[in-house]
Amino acid sequence: MFSKRNEKNVNIDSLFGENIKFSGKVEGKGNLRVDGVIEGDIDYEGDVIIGETGRIKGNILCHNTSLAGTVEGNIKAKGKLTIHPTGKLMGDAEISKLIVHEGALFEGNCKMGVKKASQEAKADDKPNGKPNGKKVEKAKE
């Protein structure tokens, strides 16, 4: 009686269309879709969707990323990164979950568990790196 949908409908709050080329930092809230070209960083409090014609030359900081186009830069997402068959990521990813479809290209390093990493960073803000104040020496690298 009711058809099942395989994809969630995503409300798009901001759109860079296929004919738009933008240079500079993009900041905002909500969901962003990029079908054009952005040369600069994206800092978004929501999801970033890069369509097949979308190209980003810069870093992305957001909640979730769906990549069907090309990104030359690093992606840091609190949620998941999905790289679709036409997607290309030339850079590092720091995320909680990763989905890479067959045919996708990922040239870089991946660090999983962003939530855990952000909790450790908060502990490093405490005196001597520990909440209890005990002195901790870090190994030299």
N, C-alpha and C. Protein backbone atom coordinates (compact mmCIF):
# COMPACT_ATOMS: atom_id res chain seq x y z
N MET A 1 0.82 -1.19 0.00
CA MET A 1 0.00 0.00 0.00
C MET A 1 0.86 1.26 0.00
N PHE A 2 1.84 1.31 0.90
CA PHE A 2 2.76 2.45 0.93
C PHE A 2 4.10 1.99 0.40
N SER A 3 4.72 2.82 -0.44
CA SER A 3 6.04 2.43 -0.97
C SER A 3 7.13 2.81 0.01
N LYS A 4 8.14 1.96 0.07
CA LYS A 4 9.28 2.23 0.93
C LYS A 4 10.28 3.08 0.17
N ARG A 5 10.89 4.01 0.86
CA ARG A 5 11.91 4.84 0.23
C ARG A 5 13.27 4.40 0.71
N ASN A 6 14.19 4.23 -0.23
CA ASN A 6 15.54 3.83 0.11
C ASN A 6 16.37 4.99 0.62
N GLU A 7 16.04 6.21 0.21
CA GLU A 7 16.80 7.37 0.63
C GLU A 7 15.94 8.27 1.49
N LYS A 8 16.60 8.92 2.44
CA LYS A 8 15.90 9.91 3.24
C LYS A 8 15.81 11.19 2.43
N ASN A 9 14.69 11.88 2.54
CA ASN A 9 14.59 13.19 1.92
C ASN A 9 15.35 14.17 2.80
N VAL A 10 16.22 14.94 2.19
CA VAL A 10 17.02 15.89 2.93
C VAL A 10 16.57 17.29 2.54
N ASN A 11 16.24 18.10 3.52
CA ASN A 11 15.90 19.49 3.25
C ASN A 11 17.18 20.27 3.01
N ILE A 12 17.25 20.95 1.88
CA ILE A 12 18.41 21.75 1.54
C ILE A 12 18.12 23.20 1.92
N ASP A 13 18.98 23.76 2.77
CA ASP A 13 18.83 25.15 3.19
C ASP A 13 19.63 26.10 2.31
N SER A 14 20.75 25.63 1.79
CA SER A 14 21.62 26.47 0.95
C SER A 14 22.10 25.65 -0.24
N LEU A 15 22.21 26.30 -1.40
CA LEU A 15 22.60 25.60 -2.62
C LEU A 15 23.58 26.43 -3.43
N PHE A 16 24.70 25.81 -3.79
CA PHE A 16 25.63 26.38 -4.75
C PHE A 16 25.39 25.61 -6.04
N GLY A 17 24.71 26.23 -6.99
CA GLY A 17 24.33 25.56 -8.23
C GLY A 17 25.50 25.24 -9.13
N GLU A 18 25.21 24.46 -10.15
CA GLU A 18 26.21 23.96 -11.08
C GLU A 18 26.99 25.08 -11.77
N ASN A 19 26.37 26.23 -11.97
CA ASN A 19 27.01 27.34 -12.69
C ASN A 19 27.70 28.34 -11.77
N ILE A 20 27.84 28.01 -10.49
CA ILE A 20 28.45 28.93 -9.53
C ILE A 20 29.87 28.50 -9.20
N LYS A 21 30.79 29.49 -9.24
CA LYS A 21 32.15 29.29 -8.77
C LYS A 21 32.38 30.32 -7.67
N PHE A 22 32.75 29.84 -6.47
CA PHE A 22 32.90 30.71 -5.31
C PHE A 22 34.28 30.53 -4.71
N SER A 23 34.92 31.65 -4.35
CA SER A 23 36.21 31.61 -3.65
C SER A 23 36.05 32.27 -2.30
N GLY A 24 36.44 31.56 -1.24
CA GLY A 24 36.34 32.09 0.11
C GLY A 24 35.79 31.05 1.06
N LYS A 25 35.65 31.44 2.32
CA LYS A 25 35.15 30.53 3.34
C LYS A 25 33.62 30.56 3.37
N VAL A 26 33.02 29.37 3.45
CA VAL A 26 31.57 29.23 3.53
C VAL A 26 31.23 28.78 4.94
N GLU A 27 30.40 29.56 5.64
CA GLU A 27 29.95 29.22 6.99
C GLU A 27 28.44 29.29 7.04
N GLY A 28 27.82 28.41 7.84
CA GLY A 28 26.39 28.48 7.97
C GLY A 28 25.82 27.35 8.80
N LYS A 29 24.48 27.35 8.86
CA LYS A 29 23.74 26.32 9.59
C LYS A 29 22.76 25.68 8.62
N GLY A 30 22.31 24.49 8.96
CA GLY A 30 21.36 23.79 8.11
C GLY A 30 22.09 22.83 7.19
N ASN A 31 21.49 22.53 6.06
CA ASN A 31 22.07 21.59 5.11
C ASN A 31 22.50 22.34 3.85
N LEU A 32 23.69 22.01 3.36
CA LEU A 32 24.28 22.67 2.20
C LEU A 32 24.47 21.66 1.08
N ARG A 33 24.07 22.04 -0.12
CA ARG A 33 24.33 21.21 -1.31
C ARG A 33 25.22 22.01 -2.25
N VAL A 34 26.27 21.35 -2.76
CA VAL A 34 27.20 21.99 -3.68
C VAL A 34 27.20 21.22 -4.99
N ASP A 35 26.77 21.89 -6.06
CA ASP A 35 26.85 21.32 -7.40
C ASP A 35 27.82 22.13 -8.25
N GLY A 36 28.31 23.24 -7.72
CA GLY A 36 29.27 24.09 -8.41
C GLY A 36 30.67 23.89 -7.85
N VAL A 37 31.47 24.96 -7.89
CA VAL A 37 32.87 24.91 -7.46
C VAL A 37 33.07 25.87 -6.28
N ILE A 38 33.69 25.37 -5.22
CA ILE A 38 34.07 26.21 -4.08
C ILE A 38 35.56 26.05 -3.85
N GLU A 39 36.26 27.18 -3.88
CA GLU A 39 37.69 27.20 -3.55
C GLU A 39 37.82 27.89 -2.20
N GLY A 40 37.85 27.10 -1.15
CA GLY A 40 37.90 27.62 0.20
C GLY A 40 37.30 26.61 1.16
N ASP A 41 37.40 26.90 2.43
CA ASP A 41 36.91 25.97 3.46
C ASP A 41 35.41 26.11 3.66
N ILE A 42 34.80 25.00 4.10
CA ILE A 42 33.38 24.98 4.45
C ILE A 42 33.27 24.61 5.92
N ASP A 43 32.60 25.46 6.70
CA ASP A 43 32.35 25.22 8.12
C ASP A 43 30.84 25.31 8.30
N TYR A 44 30.18 24.16 8.39
CA TYR A 44 28.72 24.13 8.38
C TYR A 44 28.18 23.33 9.54
N GLU A 45 27.19 23.87 10.23
CA GLU A 45 26.51 23.17 11.32
C GLU A 45 25.32 22.42 10.74
N GLY A 46 25.60 21.35 10.06
CA GLY A 46 24.58 20.54 9.41
C GLY A 46 25.27 19.59 8.45
N ASP A 47 24.52 19.12 7.47
CA ASP A 47 25.07 18.18 6.50
C ASP A 47 25.57 18.92 5.26
N VAL A 48 26.63 18.40 4.66
CA VAL A 48 27.15 18.95 3.41
C VAL A 48 27.04 17.85 2.36
N ILE A 49 26.35 18.17 1.27
CA ILE A 49 26.14 17.23 0.17
C ILE A 49 26.85 17.79 -1.06
N ILE A 50 27.78 17.02 -1.60
CA ILE A 50 28.49 17.44 -2.80
C ILE A 50 27.97 16.58 -3.95
N GLY A 51 27.27 17.20 -4.89
CA GLY A 51 26.71 16.49 -6.03
C GLY A 51 27.79 16.08 -7.02
N GLU A 52 27.40 15.34 -8.05
CA GLU A 52 28.35 14.81 -9.03
C GLU A 52 29.16 15.91 -9.72
N THR A 53 28.58 17.08 -9.92
CA THR A 53 29.29 18.18 -10.58
C THR A 53 29.98 19.09 -9.57
N GLY A 54 29.82 18.81 -8.30
CA GLY A 54 30.42 19.64 -7.25
C GLY A 54 31.90 19.39 -7.07
N ARG A 55 32.65 20.48 -6.87
CA ARG A 55 34.10 20.37 -6.63
C ARG A 55 34.46 21.33 -5.50
N ILE A 56 35.20 20.81 -4.53
CA ILE A 56 35.65 21.61 -3.39
C ILE A 56 37.16 21.53 -3.34
N LYS A 57 37.80 22.70 -3.26
CA LYS A 57 39.25 22.77 -3.03
C LYS A 57 39.41 23.46 -1.69
N GLY A 58 39.37 22.68 -0.62
CA GLY A 58 39.45 23.21 0.73
C GLY A 58 38.99 22.17 1.72
N ASN A 59 39.01 22.52 2.98
CA ASN A 59 38.63 21.60 4.05
C ASN A 59 37.15 21.76 4.38
N ILE A 60 36.55 20.66 4.85
CA ILE A 60 35.13 20.66 5.21
C ILE A 60 34.99 20.23 6.66
N LEU A 61 34.23 21.02 7.43
CA LEU A 61 33.88 20.71 8.81
C LEU A 61 32.36 20.75 8.89
N CYS A 62 31.73 19.61 9.26
CA CYS A 62 30.27 19.55 9.27
C CYS A 62 29.79 18.37 10.12
N HIS A 63 28.49 18.08 10.03
CA HIS A 63 27.95 16.93 10.77
C HIS A 63 28.09 15.65 9.94
N ASN A 64 27.44 15.59 8.78
CA ASN A 64 27.55 14.45 7.86
C ASN A 64 27.97 14.97 6.50
N THR A 65 28.68 14.14 5.74
CA THR A 65 29.07 14.51 4.38
C THR A 65 28.67 13.41 3.42
N SER A 66 28.02 13.81 2.32
CA SER A 66 27.69 12.90 1.24
C SER A 66 28.45 13.39 0.02
N LEU A 67 29.35 12.56 -0.50
CA LEU A 67 30.26 12.98 -1.56
C LEU A 67 30.03 12.19 -2.85
N ALA A 68 29.52 12.89 -3.88
CA ALA A 68 29.38 12.29 -5.20
C ALA A 68 30.27 13.02 -6.20
N GLY A 69 30.82 14.15 -5.80
CA GLY A 69 31.71 14.95 -6.64
C GLY A 69 33.16 14.78 -6.20
N THR A 70 33.92 15.89 -6.18
CA THR A 70 35.35 15.84 -5.89
C THR A 70 35.70 16.80 -4.76
N VAL A 71 36.50 16.32 -3.81
CA VAL A 71 37.03 17.17 -2.74
C VAL A 71 38.54 17.01 -2.71
N GLU A 72 39.24 18.14 -2.81
CA GLU A 72 40.69 18.18 -2.62
C GLU A 72 40.92 18.92 -1.32
N GLY A 73 40.96 18.17 -0.23
CA GLY A 73 41.10 18.75 1.09
C GLY A 73 40.67 17.72 2.12
N ASN A 74 40.67 18.12 3.36
CA ASN A 74 40.33 17.22 4.46
C ASN A 74 38.87 17.38 4.86
N ILE A 75 38.28 16.29 5.33
CA ILE A 75 36.90 16.31 5.81
C ILE A 75 36.90 15.89 7.27
N LYS A 76 36.28 16.72 8.10
CA LYS A 76 36.08 16.38 9.51
C LYS A 76 34.57 16.46 9.77
N ALA A 77 33.97 15.30 10.03
CA ALA A 77 32.53 15.23 10.24
C ALA A 77 32.24 14.53 11.56
N LYS A 78 31.33 15.10 12.34
CA LYS A 78 30.95 14.49 13.62
C LYS A 78 30.19 13.19 13.40
N GLY A 79 29.52 13.09 12.28
CA GLY A 79 28.74 11.90 11.95
C GLY A 79 29.46 11.03 10.94
N LYS A 80 28.80 10.82 9.79
CA LYS A 80 29.38 9.89 8.81
C LYS A 80 29.77 10.59 7.51
N LEU A 81 30.68 9.93 6.82
CA LEU A 81 31.10 10.32 5.48
C LEU A 81 30.68 9.21 4.54
N THR A 82 29.89 9.55 3.53
CA THR A 82 29.49 8.59 2.51
C THR A 82 30.12 9.03 1.19
N ILE A 83 30.94 8.15 0.61
CA ILE A 83 31.54 8.44 -0.69
C ILE A 83 30.84 7.55 -1.72
N HIS A 84 30.10 8.18 -2.62
CA HIS A 84 29.32 7.48 -3.64
C HIS A 84 30.23 7.05 -4.79
N PRO A 85 29.73 6.19 -5.70
CA PRO A 85 30.58 5.66 -6.78
C PRO A 85 31.30 6.73 -7.61
N THR A 86 30.71 7.90 -7.77
CA THR A 86 31.34 8.97 -8.55
C THR A 86 32.18 9.90 -7.67
N GLY A 87 32.19 9.66 -6.37
CA GLY A 87 32.88 10.53 -5.43
C GLY A 87 34.38 10.33 -5.39
N LYS A 88 35.10 11.46 -5.20
CA LYS A 88 36.56 11.42 -5.11
C LYS A 88 36.99 12.30 -3.95
N LEU A 89 37.74 11.71 -3.02
CA LEU A 89 38.32 12.46 -1.90
C LEU A 89 39.83 12.32 -1.95
N MET A 90 40.50 13.45 -2.17
CA MET A 90 41.95 13.49 -2.12
C MET A 90 42.32 14.30 -0.89
N GLY A 91 42.38 13.61 0.23
CA GLY A 91 42.66 14.26 1.50
C GLY A 91 42.31 13.31 2.63
N ASP A 92 42.49 13.77 3.84
CA ASP A 92 42.25 12.94 5.02
C ASP A 92 40.82 13.11 5.51
N ALA A 93 40.33 12.10 6.23
CA ALA A 93 38.99 12.13 6.80
C ALA A 93 39.07 11.80 8.28
N GLU A 94 38.39 12.60 9.08
CA GLU A 94 38.26 12.36 10.52
C GLU A 94 36.77 12.33 10.81
N ILE A 95 36.24 11.12 11.04
CA ILE A 95 34.81 10.91 11.08
C ILE A 95 34.44 9.84 12.11
N SER A 96 33.13 9.69 12.34
CA SER A 96 32.66 8.61 13.21
C SER A 96 32.37 7.35 12.42
N LYS A 97 31.75 7.51 11.23
CA LYS A 97 31.39 6.36 10.39
C LYS A 97 31.80 6.65 8.96
N LEU A 98 32.18 5.59 8.23
CA LEU A 98 32.61 5.73 6.85
C LEU A 98 31.90 4.71 5.97
N ILE A 99 31.33 5.20 4.86
CA ILE A 99 30.73 4.34 3.85
C ILE A 99 31.38 4.69 2.52
N VAL A 100 32.03 3.69 1.90
CA VAL A 100 32.67 3.90 0.60
C VAL A 100 32.05 2.92 -0.39
N HIS A 101 31.37 3.46 -1.39
CA HIS A 101 30.74 2.62 -2.41
C HIS A 101 31.76 2.19 -3.46
N GLU A 102 31.47 1.06 -4.10
CA GLU A 102 32.35 0.55 -5.15
C GLU A 102 32.48 1.59 -6.26
N GLY A 103 33.70 1.84 -6.68
CA GLY A 103 33.97 2.83 -7.72
C GLY A 103 34.42 4.17 -7.17
N ALA A 104 34.22 4.39 -5.88
CA ALA A 104 34.64 5.65 -5.26
C ALA A 104 36.16 5.69 -5.13
N LEU A 105 36.71 6.90 -5.04
CA LEU A 105 38.15 7.09 -4.89
C LEU A 105 38.43 7.81 -3.58
N PHE A 106 39.33 7.24 -2.77
CA PHE A 106 39.73 7.86 -1.50
C PHE A 106 41.23 7.74 -1.41
N GLU A 107 41.92 8.87 -1.58
CA GLU A 107 43.37 8.92 -1.46
C GLU A 107 43.71 9.77 -0.24
N GLY A 108 44.00 9.11 0.87
CA GLY A 108 44.31 9.83 2.09
C GLY A 108 44.23 8.90 3.28
N ASN A 109 44.27 9.50 4.45
CA ASN A 109 44.19 8.74 5.70
C ASN A 109 42.83 8.94 6.33
N CYS A 110 42.42 7.95 7.11
CA CYS A 110 41.13 8.02 7.78
C CYS A 110 41.32 7.79 9.27
N LYS A 111 40.73 8.67 10.06
CA LYS A 111 40.74 8.52 11.52
C LYS A 111 39.29 8.39 11.96
N MET A 112 38.99 7.25 12.58
CA MET A 112 37.62 6.98 13.02
C MET A 112 37.47 7.34 14.49
N GLY A 113 36.24 7.60 14.89
CA GLY A 113 35.97 7.87 16.29
C GLY A 113 36.18 9.32 16.67
N VAL A 114 35.60 10.24 15.93
CA VAL A 114 35.76 11.67 16.19
C VAL A 114 35.23 12.03 17.57
N LYS A 115 34.12 11.42 17.99
CA LYS A 115 33.56 11.73 19.30
C LYS A 115 34.57 11.43 20.40
N LYS A 116 35.23 10.29 20.28
CA LYS A 116 36.23 9.89 21.26
C LYS A 116 37.40 10.88 21.24
N ALA A 117 37.82 11.29 20.06
CA ALA A 117 38.93 12.23 19.93
C ALA A 117 38.58 13.58 20.54
N SER A 118 37.33 14.02 20.37
CA SER A 118 36.96 15.31 20.94
C SER A 118 36.88 15.24 22.46
N GLN A 119 36.52 14.07 23.01
CA GLN A 119 36.51 13.92 24.46
C GLN A 119 37.93 13.95 25.01
N GLU A 120 38.88 13.33 24.29
CA GLU A 120 40.28 13.35 24.71
C GLU A 120 40.84 14.77 24.65
N ALA A 121 40.42 15.53 23.66
CA ALA A 121 40.88 16.91 23.53
C ALA A 121 40.39 17.73 24.72
N LYS A 122 39.16 17.47 25.18
CA LYS A 122 38.65 18.18 26.35
C LYS A 122 39.47 17.83 27.59
N ALA A 123 39.88 16.57 27.73
CA ALA A 123 40.70 16.16 28.87
C ALA A 123 42.06 16.85 28.82
N ASP A 124 42.57 17.08 27.61
CA ASP A 124 43.86 17.77 27.47
C ASP A 124 43.78 19.22 27.91
N ASP A 125 42.57 19.79 27.94
CA ASP A 125 42.40 21.17 28.38
C ASP A 125 42.48 21.31 29.90
N LYS A 126 42.40 20.20 30.60
CA LYS A 126 42.46 20.22 32.07
C LYS A 126 43.90 20.44 32.51
N PRO A 127 44.14 20.84 33.77
CA PRO A 127 45.51 21.04 34.25
C PRO A 127 46.35 19.78 34.08
N ASN A 128 47.51 19.93 33.50
CA ASN A 128 48.46 18.84 33.28
C ASN A 128 47.89 17.72 32.41
N GLY A 129 46.84 18.01 31.64
CA GLY A 129 46.31 17.03 30.71
C GLY A 129 45.39 16.00 31.34
N LYS A 130 45.18 16.02 32.65
CA LYS A 130 44.30 15.06 33.31
C LYS A 130 43.31 15.81 34.20
N PRO A 131 42.07 15.32 34.29
CA PRO A 131 41.09 15.99 35.12
C PRO A 131 41.45 16.00 36.60
N ASN A 132 42.23 15.01 37.07
CA ASN A 132 42.55 14.96 38.49
C ASN A 132 43.78 15.79 38.85
N GLY A 133 44.42 16.43 37.86
CA GLY A 133 45.54 17.32 38.13
C GLY A 133 46.89 16.63 38.23
N LYS A 134 46.96 15.29 38.06
CA LYS A 134 48.24 14.61 38.12
C LYS A 134 49.06 14.97 36.90
N LYS A 135 50.35 15.11 37.11
CA LYS A 135 51.23 15.49 36.01
C LYS A 135 51.45 14.29 35.09
N VAL A 136 51.31 14.54 33.81
CA VAL A 136 51.50 13.50 32.81
C VAL A 136 52.54 14.00 31.82
N GLU A 137 53.55 13.18 31.59
CA GLU A 137 54.57 13.55 30.61
C GLU A 137 54.25 12.86 29.30
N LYS A 138 54.30 13.64 28.23
CA LYS A 138 54.04 13.08 26.91
C LYS A 138 55.35 12.60 26.30
N ALA A 139 55.28 11.48 25.61
CA ALA A 139 56.47 10.92 24.96
C ALA A 139 56.89 11.82 23.80
N LYS A 140 58.19 11.94 23.61
CA LYS A 140 58.70 12.72 22.48
C LYS A 140 58.53 11.91 21.22
N GLU A 141 58.10 12.59 20.16
CA GLU A 141 57.89 11.90 18.89
C GLU A 141 59.00 12.18 17.94
